[in-house]
Amino acid sequence: MDTTTARITETTSHCAPIQPEWARIPDAIRFSGIGRSRLYQLIDEGKIRSVCLRERKKSRGIRLIHLPALDAYISSFEGNEKGQDNGNAKRNGRARQRHARS
């Protein structure tokens, strides 16, 4: 390894990875696991920030999702997993009862 390559390697090893602040819909889907329709629903409900980049008098544009807002929305459900009933226990209980009868 020559000295230039060694310096570049040394310099880049101290850099933090770049975290994008905005992402297109397909990238937000991959990032979150939330489907396209649900993402648009959350945008309409004001639960996730987004912007649409488009030229004047154009109907189409590029929809960008604010990743910190998406991450905050997902993180808001962390407490629901342990010990908190969010309605699923009753539904799951009824499903088990129906299954046990058949």
Protein backbone atom coordinates (compact mmCIF):
# COMPACT_ATOMS: atom_id res chain seq x y z
CA MET A 1 0.00 0.00 0.00
CA ASP A 2 1.48 3.34 -0.97
CA THR A 3 1.47 6.38 1.32
CA THR A 4 -1.46 8.09 -0.45
CA THR A 5 -3.70 5.05 -0.08
CA ALA A 6 -2.61 4.66 3.54
CA ARG A 7 -3.54 8.28 4.29
CA ILE A 8 -6.93 7.93 2.60
CA THR A 9 -7.67 4.73 4.51
CA GLU A 10 -6.59 6.33 7.76
CA THR A 11 -8.71 9.42 7.11
CA THR A 12 -11.87 7.57 6.07
CA SER A 13 -11.70 5.18 9.01
CA HIS A 14 -12.41 8.16 11.31
CA CYS A 15 -15.44 9.36 9.34
CA ALA A 16 -18.96 8.59 10.48
CA PRO A 17 -21.25 7.04 7.89
CA ILE A 18 -23.50 9.49 6.10
CA GLN A 19 -27.11 9.35 7.31
CA PRO A 20 -29.54 10.82 4.79
CA GLU A 21 -32.30 13.01 6.17
CA TRP A 22 -34.74 12.49 3.29
CA ALA A 23 -35.58 9.44 1.16
CA ARG A 24 -37.86 8.57 -1.72
CA ILE A 25 -40.87 6.34 -1.12
CA PRO A 26 -39.20 3.05 -2.25
CA ASP A 27 -36.24 3.71 0.05
CA ALA A 28 -38.54 4.60 2.96
CA ILE A 29 -40.40 1.32 2.39
CA ARG A 30 -37.12 -0.64 2.56
CA PHE A 31 -35.95 1.36 5.59
CA SER A 32 -39.14 0.89 7.60
CA GLY A 33 -40.92 -2.19 6.30
CA ILE A 34 -44.12 -0.12 6.09
CA GLY A 35 -46.04 -0.52 2.83
CA ARG A 36 -46.56 2.19 0.25
CA SER A 37 -50.27 2.70 0.97
CA ARG A 38 -49.70 2.91 4.72
CA LEU A 39 -46.87 5.45 4.22
CA TYR A 40 -49.17 7.70 2.20
CA GLN A 41 -51.88 7.27 4.84
CA LEU A 42 -49.45 8.33 7.59
CA ILE A 43 -48.44 11.34 5.50
CA ASP A 44 -52.11 12.33 5.05
CA GLU A 45 -52.69 11.96 8.80
CA GLY A 46 -49.70 14.22 9.50
CA LYS A 47 -47.81 11.54 11.43
CA ILE A 48 -44.82 11.56 9.08
CA ARG A 49 -43.24 14.61 7.44
CA SER A 50 -42.83 14.65 3.69
CA VAL A 51 -42.33 17.06 0.84
CA CYS A 52 -43.08 16.87 -2.85
CA LEU A 53 -40.53 18.37 -5.21
CA ARG A 54 -42.19 19.45 -8.43
CA GLU A 55 -42.01 22.17 -10.97
CA ARG A 56 -44.71 24.80 -11.22
CA LYS A 57 -47.85 23.77 -13.04
CA LYS A 58 -46.78 20.12 -13.04
CA SER A 59 -48.90 17.42 -11.43
CA ARG A 60 -46.05 14.97 -10.87
CA GLY A 61 -43.07 15.34 -8.60
CA ILE A 62 -40.72 13.48 -6.32
CA ARG A 63 -42.12 12.62 -2.88
CA LEU A 64 -39.48 12.66 -0.14
CA ILE A 65 -40.00 11.21 3.35
CA HIS A 66 -38.29 12.75 6.37
CA LEU A 67 -36.40 9.75 7.80
CA PRO A 68 -36.03 11.10 11.37
CA ALA A 69 -39.84 11.57 11.47
CA LEU A 70 -40.36 8.03 10.16
CA ASP A 71 -37.91 6.67 12.72
CA ALA A 72 -39.66 8.60 15.51
CA TYR A 73 -43.05 7.22 14.42
CA ILE A 74 -41.74 3.64 14.49
CA SER A 75 -39.98 4.22 17.84
CA SER A 76 -43.24 5.44 19.36
CA PHE A 77 -44.46 1.82 19.26
CA GLU A 78 -41.58 0.36 21.28
CA GLY A 79 -43.55 0.41 24.55
CA ASN A 80 -46.48 -1.45 22.96
CA GLU A 81 -44.55 -4.69 22.63
CA LYS A 82 -44.11 -5.57 26.30
CA GLY A 83 -46.98 -5.68 28.74
CA GLN A 84 -49.16 -3.15 26.99
CA ASP A 85 -52.34 -4.31 25.29
CA ASN A 86 -53.01 -2.50 22.04
CA GLY A 87 -56.15 -4.51 21.22
CA ASN A 88 -54.40 -7.54 19.78
CA ALA A 89 -54.87 -9.74 22.86
CA LYS A 90 -58.66 -9.81 22.48
CA ARG A 91 -58.46 -10.48 18.74
CA ASN A 92 -55.87 -13.21 19.22
CA GLY A 93 -57.92 -14.77 22.03
CA ARG A 94 -61.02 -14.92 19.82
CA ALA A 95 -59.00 -16.48 17.01
CA ARG A 96 -57.66 -19.15 19.38
CA GLN A 97 -61.19 -19.86 20.66
CA ARG A 98 -62.54 -20.32 17.13
CA HIS A 99 -59.61 -22.57 16.25
CA ALA A 100 -60.09 -24.66 19.40
CA ARG A 101 -63.80 -25.26 18.61
CA SER A 102 -63.17 -26.55 15.08
